[in-house]
Structures are given as structure tokens and as C-alpha cells.
C-alpha atoms as a PDB file:
ATOM      1  CA  UNK A   1      72.534 -21.481  39.190  1.00  0.00           C
ATOM      2  CA  UNK A   2      71.267 -19.127  36.464  1.00  0.00           C
ATOM      3  CA  UNK A   3      70.402 -15.507  37.247  1.00  0.00           C
ATOM      4  CA  UNK A   4      66.727 -14.696  37.400  1.00  0.00           C
ATOM      5  CA  UNK A   5      65.536 -13.562  34.011  1.00  0.00           C
ATOM      6  CA  UNK A   6      63.548 -10.387  33.759  1.00  0.00           C
ATOM      7  CA  UNK A   7      59.981 -10.592  32.576  1.00  0.00           C
ATOM      8  CA  UNK A   8      59.932 -10.599  28.775  1.00  0.00           C
ATOM      9  CA  UNK A   9      58.735  -7.247  27.434  1.00  0.00           C
ATOM     10  CA  UNK A  10      55.612  -7.591  25.328  1.00  0.00           C
ATOM     11  CA  UNK A  11      55.793  -6.656  21.656  1.00  0.00           C
ATOM     12  CA  UNK A  12      53.928  -3.390  21.028  1.00  0.00           C
ATOM     13  CA  UNK A  13      50.675  -4.128  19.280  1.00  0.00           C
ATOM     14  CA  UNK A  14      48.375  -1.882  17.293  1.00  0.00           C
ATOM     15  CA  UNK A  15      44.612  -2.087  17.364  1.00  0.00           C
ATOM     16  CA  UNK A  16      41.978  -0.746  15.006  1.00  0.00           C
ATOM     17  CA  UNK A  17      39.580   1.951  16.131  1.00  0.00           C
ATOM     18  CA  UNK A  18      36.756  -0.585  15.762  1.00  0.00           C
ATOM     19  CA  UNK A  19      38.484  -3.021  18.129  1.00  0.00           C
ATOM     20  CA  UNK A  20      39.073  -0.259  20.700  1.00  0.00           C
ATOM     21  CA  UNK A  21      35.448   0.879  20.451  1.00  0.00           C
ATOM     22  CA  UNK A  22      34.195  -2.692  20.848  1.00  0.00           C
ATOM     23  CA  UNK A  23      36.374  -3.318  23.891  1.00  0.00           C
ATOM     24  CA  UNK A  24      35.243  -0.045  25.478  1.00  0.00           C
ATOM     25  CA  UNK A  25      31.613  -0.900  24.714  1.00  0.00           C
ATOM     26  CA  UNK A  26      31.941  -4.132  26.694  1.00  0.00           C
ATOM     27  CA  UNK A  27      32.834  -2.090  29.772  1.00  0.00           C
ATOM     28  CA  UNK A  28      30.518   0.882  29.250  1.00  0.00           C
ATOM     29  CA  UNK A  29      27.350  -0.625  27.808  1.00  0.00           C
ATOM     30  CA  UNK A  30      27.508  -4.237  28.916  1.00  0.00           C
ATOM     31  CA  UNK A  31      28.774  -3.447  32.395  1.00  0.00           C
ATOM     32  CA  UNK A  32      31.650  -5.917  32.378  1.00  0.00           C
ATOM     33  CA  UNK A  33      34.576  -5.115  34.626  1.00  0.00           C
ATOM     34  CA  UNK A  34      37.606  -3.479  33.132  1.00  0.00           C
ATOM     35  CA  UNK A  35      39.899  -6.144  34.564  1.00  0.00           C
ATOM     36  CA  UNK A  36      37.790  -8.995  33.186  1.00  0.00           C
ATOM     37  CA  UNK A  37      37.583  -7.510  29.688  1.00  0.00           C
ATOM     38  CA  UNK A  38      41.304  -6.730  29.641  1.00  0.00           C
ATOM     39  CA  UNK A  39      42.074 -10.286  30.719  1.00  0.00           C
ATOM     40  CA  UNK A  40      39.692 -11.822  28.165  1.00  0.00           C
ATOM     41  CA  UNK A  41      41.117  -9.729  25.314  1.00  0.00           C
ATOM     42  CA  UNK A  42      44.751 -10.044  26.504  1.00  0.00           C
ATOM     43  CA  UNK A  43      45.106  -6.283  26.996  1.00  0.00           C
ATOM     44  CA  UNK A  44      46.729  -4.225  29.688  1.00  0.00           C
ATOM     45  CA  UNK A  45      44.144  -2.683  32.010  1.00  0.00           C
ATOM     46  CA  UNK A  46      45.726   0.750  31.541  1.00  0.00           C
ATOM     47  CA  UNK A  47      45.263   0.635  27.752  1.00  0.00           C
ATOM     48  CA  UNK A  48      41.677  -0.485  28.022  1.00  0.00           C
ATOM     49  CA  UNK A  49      41.053   2.184  30.680  1.00  0.00           C
ATOM     50  CA  UNK A  50      42.279   4.878  28.291  1.00  0.00           C
ATOM     51  CA  UNK A  51      39.991   3.572  25.545  1.00  0.00           C
ATOM     52  CA  UNK A  52      37.008   3.536  27.914  1.00  0.00           C
ATOM     53  CA  UNK A  53      37.731   7.087  29.097  1.00  0.00           C
ATOM     54  CA  UNK A  54      38.064   8.282  25.486  1.00  0.00           C
ATOM     55  CA  UNK A  55      34.773   6.617  24.536  1.00  0.00           C
ATOM     56  CA  UNK A  56      33.058   8.306  27.479  1.00  0.00           C
ATOM     57  CA  UNK A  57      34.537  11.680  26.477  1.00  0.00           C
ATOM     58  CA  UNK A  58      33.324  11.249  22.898  1.00  0.00           C
ATOM     59  CA  UNK A  59      29.826  10.646  24.259  1.00  0.00           C
ATOM     60  CA  UNK A  60      30.064  13.713  26.509  1.00  0.00           C
ATOM     61  CA  UNK A  61      30.075  11.613  29.680  1.00  0.00           C
ATOM     62  CA  UNK A  62      33.655  12.080  30.867  1.00  0.00           C
ATOM     63  CA  UNK A  63      34.109  13.132  34.453  1.00  0.00           C
ATOM     64  CA  UNK A  64      37.805  13.922  33.962  1.00  0.00           C
ATOM     65  CA  UNK A  65      37.519  16.643  31.347  1.00  0.00           C
ATOM     66  CA  UNK A  66      39.095  14.438  28.679  1.00  0.00           C
ATOM     67  CA  UNK A  67      39.107  15.982  25.219  1.00  0.00           C
ATOM     68  CA  UNK A  68      36.933  14.342  22.600  1.00  0.00           C
ATOM     69  CA  UNK A  69      38.579  12.793  19.555  1.00  0.00           C
ATOM     70  CA  UNK A  70      37.426  15.729  17.425  1.00  0.00           C
ATOM     71  CA  UNK A  71      38.870  18.202  19.933  1.00  0.00           C
ATOM     72  CA  UNK A  72      42.196  16.329  19.952  1.00  0.00           C
ATOM     73  CA  UNK A  73      42.334  16.450  16.148  1.00  0.00           C
ATOM     74  CA  UNK A  74      41.563  20.178  16.140  1.00  0.00           C
ATOM     75  CA  UNK A  75      44.180  20.812  18.834  1.00  0.00           C
ATOM     76  CA  UNK A  76      46.799  18.991  16.780  1.00  0.00           C
ATOM     77  CA  UNK A  77      45.871  20.970  13.668  1.00  0.00           C
ATOM     78  CA  UNK A  78      45.996  24.268  15.569  1.00  0.00           C
ATOM     79  CA  UNK A  79      49.375  23.453  17.140  1.00  0.00           C
ATOM     80  CA  UNK A  80      50.787  22.708  13.701  1.00  0.00           C
ATOM     81  CA  UNK A  81      49.356  25.976  12.366  1.00  0.00           C
ATOM     82  CA  UNK A  82      50.909  27.935  15.263  1.00  0.00           C
ATOM     83  CA  UNK A  83      54.283  26.299  14.583  1.00  0.00           C
ATOM     84  CA  UNK A  84      54.118  27.333  10.904  1.00  0.00           C
ATOM     85  CA  UNK A  85      53.019  30.880  11.783  1.00  0.00           C
ATOM     86  CA  UNK A  86      55.904  31.291  14.234  1.00  0.00           C
ATOM     87  CA  UNK A  87      58.375  30.207  11.561  1.00  0.00           C
ATOM     88  CA  UNK A  88      56.817  32.615   9.043  1.00  0.00           C
ATOM     89  CA  UNK A  89      56.922  35.468  11.573  1.00  0.00           C
ATOM     90  CA  UNK A  90      60.581  34.766  12.298  1.00  0.00           C
ATOM     91  CA  UNK A  91      61.393  34.867   8.584  1.00  0.00           C
ATOM     92  CA  UNK A  92      59.496  38.148   8.146  1.00  0.00           C
ATOM     93  CA  UNK A  93      61.321  39.736  11.105  1.00  0.00           C
ATOM     94  CA  UNK A  94      64.669  38.799   9.591  1.00  0.00           C
ATOM     95  CA  UNK A  95      63.611  40.102   6.172  1.00  0.00           C
ATOM     96  CA  UNK A  96      62.387  43.391   7.657  1.00  0.00           C
ATOM     97  CA  UNK A  97      65.657  43.842   9.537  1.00  0.00           C
ATOM     98  CA  UNK A  98      67.636  43.055   6.367  1.00  0.00           C
ATOM     99  CA  UNK A  99      65.729  45.575   4.237  1.00  0.00           C
ATOM    100  CA  UNK A 100      65.840  48.228   6.962  1.00  0.00           C
ATOM    101  CA  UNK A 101      69.629  47.874   7.076  1.00  0.00           C
ATOM    102  CA  UNK A 102      69.852  47.983   3.238  1.00  0.00           C
ATOM    103  CA  UNK A 103      67.819  51.182   2.935  1.00  0.00           C
ATOM    104  CA  UNK A 104      69.739  52.995   5.670  1.00  0.00           C
END
């Protein structure tokens, strides 16, 4: 008797923004159920749910306070800028300490 095999893990797929928007539109504008659309398009309901929530946020209709795509992009840019500024500040502190020690 062979041991029970675990469910095969699905290969991670990537989808275009147009595909995601179209799938979300089926739920939002055409009123189809999330489970039906996810089944028809062979998607996980959780992935489709995230796309639907993001589409609602981008239209200003999110009830969860989800950031819009533009806000997410700005947040990423600002986080990167803060990271760079912290590194620069650290370098300047070290340089100031070095020159203070040299001039003493």
C-alpha cells in the first residue's frame, strides 16, 4: 500500500494587469460571484479577492481602507528615499566624528 501523496503544489503563475482588471470587473460590474469567476478562470478565490479589493480601492470604493495603486507606488518610493537618507545621515555622522577627532 502506497502512502497518501500530498496535493501537488500549483506552479506560481503571473498575470497581466489587464487580466486582473478584467477578472475584477466581472465581479464588480457584472455582479458575478467571486467563487464562480475564480472557478471559471482557474484562480484561487483569495487572489481574485485581492484583485477585486484593489480595483475597488482604485475607484475610491474600498470599505477596508486599502491603499490605491498610486498610493502604494508613492509609499514604496518614499520608503526607498528614507532608506537612502538614513544611510547618508549615518555616513555624515561618521565623517563629522572623524573630522572632530582630527581637529582636536
